[in-house]
Protein backbone atom coordinates (compact mmCIF):
# COMPACT_ATOMS: atom_id res chain seq x y z
CA MET A 1 28.25 -7.43 28.47
CA ALA A 2 25.30 -5.22 27.72
CA VAL A 3 22.78 -6.52 25.22
CA THR A 4 22.24 -4.19 22.28
CA PRO A 5 18.53 -3.78 21.63
CA ASN A 6 17.21 -4.71 18.23
CA ALA A 7 16.73 -1.87 15.80
CA TYR A 8 13.37 -0.62 14.63
CA ALA A 9 12.10 -2.31 11.49
CA GLY A 10 9.97 -0.21 9.16
CA SER A 11 7.83 -3.17 8.09
CA ARG A 12 6.73 -4.15 11.60
CA PHE A 13 3.76 -2.12 12.76
CA ALA A 14 0.02 -2.49 13.37
CA VAL A 15 -2.72 0.10 12.86
CA THR A 16 -6.06 0.21 14.68
CA ILE A 17 -9.06 2.39 13.78
CA GLY A 18 -11.64 2.57 16.56
CA SER A 19 -11.79 -0.92 18.04
CA TYR A 20 -10.94 -2.67 14.74
CA SER A 21 -7.70 -3.69 13.08
CA ALA A 22 -7.16 -1.68 9.89
CA GLY A 23 -6.21 -4.88 8.07
CA TYR A 24 -3.18 -5.02 5.80
CA ILE A 25 -1.51 -1.59 5.72
CA LYS A 26 1.32 -1.24 3.20
CA SER A 27 2.75 1.93 4.74
CA PHE A 28 2.06 4.43 7.51
CA THR A 29 3.50 7.95 7.74
CA GLN A 30 3.13 9.90 10.95
CA GLY A 31 2.49 13.61 10.64
CA ASN A 32 4.89 16.10 12.16
CA PHE A 33 4.47 19.00 14.56
CA LYS A 34 4.23 22.30 12.72
CA GLY A 35 4.30 25.73 14.33
CA SER A 36 3.37 29.19 13.03
CA LEU A 37 6.27 31.55 13.59
CA ASN A 38 5.82 35.15 14.75
CA GLU A 39 8.62 37.68 14.29
CA THR A 40 8.72 41.03 16.08
CA SER A 41 11.10 43.86 15.32
CA THR A 42 12.60 45.79 18.24
CA SER A 43 14.16 49.26 18.35
CA THR A 44 17.10 48.32 20.57
CA GLU A 45 18.34 45.08 19.03
CA HIS A 46 19.56 44.05 15.59
CA TRP A 47 17.67 40.77 15.44
CA MET A 48 14.04 39.75 15.40
CA LYS A 49 12.25 38.39 18.45
CA LYS A 50 10.56 35.12 17.57
CA ASN A 51 7.89 32.94 19.11
CA ILE A 52 5.44 30.22 18.12
CA ALA A 53 1.91 31.64 18.14
CA ALA A 54 0.02 28.49 17.08
CA TRP A 55 0.76 24.93 16.06
CA GLU A 56 -0.86 21.88 14.52
CA PHE A 57 -0.24 18.30 13.49
CA SER A 58 0.34 17.85 9.77
CA ASP A 59 -1.62 15.09 8.05
CA PHE A 60 -0.93 11.44 8.75
CA SER A 61 -1.16 9.03 5.80
CA LEU A 62 -1.48 5.31 5.20
CA GLU A 63 -1.70 2.97 2.22
CA ALA A 64 -4.45 0.43 2.82
CA SER A 65 -5.54 -2.72 1.08
CA PHE A 66 -9.02 -2.78 -0.43
CA ALA A 67 -9.56 -5.70 1.96
CA MET A 68 -9.38 -3.25 4.89
CA GLY A 69 -10.86 -3.66 8.35
CA LYS A 70 -14.40 -2.60 9.20
CA GLY A 71 -13.37 0.45 11.23
CA LEU A 72 -11.37 1.97 8.39
CA GLN A 73 -14.02 1.06 5.80
CA ASP A 74 -16.86 2.65 7.80
CA TRP A 75 -14.76 5.75 8.47
CA MET A 76 -13.96 6.12 4.78
CA GLN A 77 -17.54 5.67 3.63
CA SER A 78 -18.96 8.16 6.11
CA ALA A 79 -16.49 10.74 4.82
CA MET A 80 -17.38 10.07 1.17
CA ASP A 81 -21.08 10.31 2.09
CA SER A 82 -20.47 13.88 3.35
CA ASN A 83 -21.00 12.73 6.92
CA ALA A 84 -17.43 13.05 8.17
CA VAL A 85 -16.97 11.77 11.72
CA PRO A 86 -13.85 11.96 13.92
CA MET A 87 -12.18 8.68 14.88
CA ASP A 88 -9.59 7.52 17.39
CA GLY A 89 -6.88 5.01 16.58
CA SER A 90 -3.30 3.98 17.13
CA VAL A 91 -0.18 2.65 15.48
CA VAL A 92 2.12 0.25 17.35
CA VAL A 93 5.72 0.01 16.11
CA ALA A 94 7.85 -3.08 16.75
CA ASP A 95 11.51 -4.01 16.59
CA PHE A 96 13.12 -6.50 14.22
CA ASN A 97 11.70 -9.44 16.19
CA GLY A 98 8.15 -8.13 16.23
CA LYS A 99 8.31 -6.94 19.86
CA ALA A 100 6.27 -3.77 20.43
CA ILE A 101 8.42 -0.76 21.31
CA ARG A 102 6.20 2.27 21.15
CA GLU A 103 2.63 3.30 20.42
CA VAL A 104 1.23 6.53 19.03
CA GLN A 105 -2.44 7.08 19.79
CA PHE A 106 -4.41 9.68 17.84
CA PHE A 107 -7.75 11.16 18.82
CA ARG A 108 -10.65 12.83 17.00
CA ALA A 109 -9.05 12.54 13.58
CA TYR A 110 -10.79 13.52 10.33
CA ILE A 111 -10.05 12.05 6.90
CA THR A 112 -8.72 14.78 4.61
CA LYS A 113 -8.00 12.79 1.45
CA ILE A 114 -8.78 9.42 -0.15
CA SER A 115 -6.83 8.54 -3.30
CA LEU A 116 -7.17 5.65 -5.73
CA PRO A 117 -4.19 5.12 -8.07
CA ALA A 118 -4.48 5.10 -11.84
CA LEU A 119 -5.70 1.87 -13.42
CA SER A 120 -4.11 0.62 -16.62
CA ALA A 121 -4.56 -2.49 -18.71
CA ALA A 122 -0.76 -2.76 -18.72
CA ASP A 123 -0.36 -2.56 -14.91
CA LYS A 124 -0.17 -5.94 -13.13
CA ALA A 125 0.84 -4.60 -9.71
CA ASN A 126 -1.41 -4.74 -6.63
CA ILE A 127 -3.13 -1.45 -5.92
CA PHE A 128 -3.82 0.30 -2.61
CA LEU A 129 -5.92 3.18 -1.36
CA THR A 130 -4.10 6.12 0.20
CA PHE A 131 -5.73 7.85 3.18
CA SER A 132 -4.67 11.14 4.73
CA PHE A 133 -6.12 12.28 8.03
CA LYS A 134 -5.59 15.02 10.59
CA PRO A 135 -5.77 14.24 14.32
CA THR A 136 -6.82 16.67 17.02
CA GLU A 137 -4.62 15.18 19.75
CA LEU A 138 -1.74 12.71 20.07
CA LYS A 139 -0.42 10.57 22.90
CA TYR A 140 2.96 8.80 22.89
CA MET A 141 3.25 5.62 24.95
CA LYS A 142 5.63 2.74 25.56
CA ALA A 143 4.33 -0.59 24.29
CA SER A 144 5.01 -4.23 25.03
CA GLY A 145 4.11 -7.65 23.71
CA ASP A 146 4.14 -9.03 20.20
CA VAL A 147 2.84 -7.15 17.16
CA ALA A 148 0.73 -9.46 15.01
CA LYS A 149 1.93 -9.88 11.46
CA ALA A 150 -0.25 -8.22 8.84
CA ALA A 151 -1.52 -11.07 6.69
CA VAL A 152 -1.80 -10.52 2.95
CA GLY A 153 -5.00 -12.40 2.13
CA PRO A 154 -6.49 -13.47 -1.20
CA THR A 155 -8.44 -10.25 -1.73
CA THR A 156 -5.38 -8.05 -1.15
CA LYS A 157 -3.36 -10.13 -3.60
CA SER A 158 -6.15 -10.28 -6.20
CA ILE A 159 -6.82 -6.55 -6.81
CA THR A 160 -4.41 -5.38 -9.49
CA GLY A 161 -4.36 -2.30 -11.69
CA ASN A 162 -5.24 -4.10 -14.92
CA ASN A 163 -8.52 -5.84 -13.99
CA PHE A 164 -11.38 -3.37 -14.15
CA SER A 165 -14.69 -2.72 -15.90
CA LEU A 166 -16.14 0.76 -16.46
CA LYS A 167 -19.81 1.51 -17.16
CA LEU A 168 -21.04 5.01 -18.04
CA GLY A 169 -24.63 5.59 -19.10
CA SER A 170 -25.31 3.65 -22.31
CA PHE A 171 -21.78 4.06 -23.72
CA ASN A 172 -19.72 1.09 -24.85
CA CYS A 173 -16.70 1.22 -22.51
CA LYS A 174 -15.26 -2.24 -23.09
CA ARG A 175 -12.13 -0.85 -24.78
CA VAL A 176 -11.18 1.59 -22.01
CA ASN A 177 -7.46 1.02 -21.45
CA LYS A 178 -6.67 3.51 -18.67
CA ILE A 179 -8.45 5.36 -15.88
CA GLU A 180 -6.68 8.27 -14.22
CA ALA A 181 -6.19 8.43 -10.45
CA PHE A 182 -9.11 9.59 -8.27
CA GLU A 183 -8.85 11.93 -5.32
CA TRP A 184 -11.62 12.75 -2.86
CA SER A 185 -10.73 15.51 -0.40
CA CYS A 186 -12.09 17.37 2.61
CA THR A 187 -10.78 20.65 4.00
CA VAL A 188 -10.30 20.37 7.76
CA LYS A 189 -9.68 23.51 9.79
CA PRO A 190 -9.05 24.13 13.49
CA ASP A 191 -11.81 25.67 15.59
CA PRO A 192 -9.68 27.22 18.36
CA HIS A 193 -10.84 28.20 21.83
CA GLY A 194 -8.90 30.37 24.21
CA GLU A 195 -8.51 27.73 26.92
CA ALA A 196 -7.96 24.73 24.64
CA GLN A 197 -4.45 23.30 24.24
CA TYR A 198 -5.75 21.16 21.37
CA PRO A 199 -8.17 23.12 19.15
CA GLU A 200 -11.04 20.99 17.90
CA LEU A 201 -11.23 20.36 14.16
CA ALA A 202 -14.12 20.85 11.78
CA CYS A 203 -14.78 19.67 8.21
CA THR A 204 -15.65 22.58 5.92
CA THR A 205 -15.67 21.86 2.17
CA MET A 206 -15.60 18.50 0.37
CA LYS A 207 -14.44 17.92 -3.19
CA GLN A 208 -15.55 14.98 -5.30
CA PRO A 209 -13.14 13.42 -7.83
CA ASP A 210 -13.19 13.75 -11.60
CA LEU A 211 -13.50 10.63 -13.75
CA THR A 212 -10.98 10.68 -16.61
CA PHE A 213 -10.27 7.75 -18.92
CA THR A 214 -8.84 6.87 -22.32
CA ILE A 215 -10.64 4.65 -24.80
CA ASN A 216 -9.70 3.11 -28.14
CA ALA A 217 -10.46 5.39 -31.08
CA LEU A 218 -12.71 2.69 -32.53
CA ASP A 219 -15.24 3.67 -29.83
CA GLY A 220 -14.60 7.41 -30.04
CA GLN A 221 -17.50 8.46 -32.26
CA GLN A 222 -20.07 7.93 -29.50
CA PHE A 223 -18.21 10.43 -27.31
CA GLU A 224 -17.93 12.95 -30.14
CA ASP A 225 -21.72 12.70 -30.51
CA TRP A 226 -22.06 13.25 -26.74
CA ALA A 227 -19.75 16.29 -26.87
CA LYS A 228 -21.79 17.83 -29.70
CA ALA A 229 -25.07 17.32 -27.87
CA TRP A 230 -23.62 18.39 -24.50
CA PHE A 231 -21.72 21.51 -25.57
CA MET A 232 -23.10 22.65 -28.93
CA ASP A 233 -26.75 21.67 -28.49
CA GLY A 234 -26.91 22.62 -24.81
CA LYS A 235 -28.11 19.24 -23.55
CA ARG A 236 -26.27 19.54 -20.25
CA GLU A 237 -29.01 20.06 -17.69
CA GLU A 238 -29.17 17.91 -14.58
CA LYS A 239 -31.52 15.48 -16.33
CA ASP A 240 -28.82 14.94 -18.98
CA GLU A 241 -26.16 13.89 -16.46
CA LEU A 242 -25.21 10.23 -16.29
CA THR A 243 -24.56 7.55 -13.69
CA GLY A 244 -21.58 5.24 -13.85
CA SER A 245 -19.68 2.52 -12.03
CA LEU A 246 -16.20 1.07 -11.91
CA ASP A 247 -15.76 -2.57 -10.88
CA LEU A 248 -12.39 -3.83 -9.66
CA LEU A 249 -12.26 -7.45 -10.72
CA GLY A 250 -10.50 -10.59 -9.59
CA PRO A 251 -8.00 -12.51 -11.74
CA ASN A 252 -10.82 -14.42 -13.48
CA MET A 253 -12.34 -11.07 -14.63
CA LYS A 254 -15.68 -12.19 -13.15
CA ASP A 255 -15.47 -11.78 -9.37
CA ILE A 256 -16.20 -8.19 -8.31
CA MET A 257 -13.84 -7.24 -5.49
CA ALA A 258 -14.90 -3.59 -5.07
CA THR A 259 -17.18 -1.10 -6.85
CA LEU A 260 -17.10 2.66 -7.21
CA THR A 261 -20.36 4.31 -8.22
CA PHE A 262 -20.62 7.81 -9.71
CA GLN A 263 -23.68 10.06 -9.61
CA ASN A 264 -24.47 13.12 -11.76
CA VAL A 265 -21.65 12.65 -14.26
CA GLY A 266 -21.14 15.38 -16.86
CA LEU A 267 -18.63 15.97 -19.63
CA GLN A 268 -15.79 18.43 -19.00
CA GLU A 269 -13.47 17.79 -21.92
CA LEU A 270 -13.06 15.46 -24.88
CA THR A 271 -9.64 15.15 -26.52
CA PRO A 272 -9.46 13.33 -29.89
CA PRO A 273 -6.32 11.37 -30.76
CA LYS A 274 -3.34 13.00 -32.42
CA GLN A 275 -2.96 11.86 -36.03
CA VAL A 276 0.55 10.48 -36.54
CA ARG A 277 1.95 8.53 -39.48
CA ASP A 278 3.04 5.49 -37.53
CA ASP A 279 1.52 2.21 -36.33
CA SER A 280 0.69 3.30 -32.76
CA LEU A 281 -2.81 2.79 -31.40
CA GLN A 282 -5.01 5.86 -31.05
CA PHE A 283 -7.15 6.84 -28.08
CA TYR A 284 -9.69 9.46 -27.08
CA THR A 285 -9.36 11.04 -23.62
CA VAL A 286 -12.68 11.67 -21.84
CA LYS A 287 -12.75 13.92 -18.76
CA THR A 288 -15.93 14.11 -16.71
CA TYR A 289 -17.03 15.54 -13.37
CA THR A 290 -18.96 13.70 -10.68
CA GLU A 291 -21.12 15.06 -7.87
CA HIS A 292 -21.01 12.03 -5.57
CA THR A 293 -18.80 8.95 -5.38
CA LYS A 294 -19.28 5.83 -3.28
CA LEU A 295 -16.87 2.94 -2.76
CA GLU A 296 -18.24 -0.46 -1.74
CA MET A 297 -16.06 -3.42 -0.82
CA LYS A 298 -17.49 -6.69 -2.08
CA LYS A 299 -14.86 -8.95 -0.48
CA THR A 300 -12.50 -8.45 2.41
CA ASP A 301 -9.72 -10.31 4.21
CA ALA A 302 -10.00 -8.41 7.50
């Protein structure tokens, strides 16, 4: 009697960036092949002639723990520092018993997007960074052996959406209750050559994230004063821009697990609370721009 092979299991995979394990990866989505369709009309037939003129890989994506491996961390930071470098890597997929079945290797990939989810004082779930990247070339291979289980260490389990501390210039930000999601992005375009089956990629423009947060109305007056000085009085030159930081804290609200720093922060929009005759709390919404963002991991499991 033939033995039926075990089915694939979506939770059993391992990701490598460069020569390093990527650490705990919550999810991995492989990009698809995408072709550009040409259609040509003919005088003798009633249908269009079609062919694929060019093709590309769509973006891959993964959700990574803040306690990521060194290869992924270095790759991310070089991109955020406007020094994007291409990286090789692989993902090995296993069956139900953890036996490797197949491997997809990617080559000369550039990060196209780094996203941090919204933080909220009411959110107790673990949070993860989302990376998107575009490879230049792929290779599909059979794989064998065991796939190591991705361990969820203390750092991965400690970073939740409700433990954070924001600092912005000299403002009192202790009553910030929510910070909107961040998204850093880089436009990556092919640089085709006539003889190349796989056109090389190049980073063109990079976009830094906005910093948007809500704060209790008790602390709103300081931001109204800033808005008056910034917009009405014209105090919005480069020397008037601020620096800021966002600490992601451990359960004891003292240990700093990771820090985002913001340079050249300026005010885009200030929204006062809506006045309603009920007992709901009131908040100001502050939207700022940033010119440079850096993410530093203070602790890691990988």
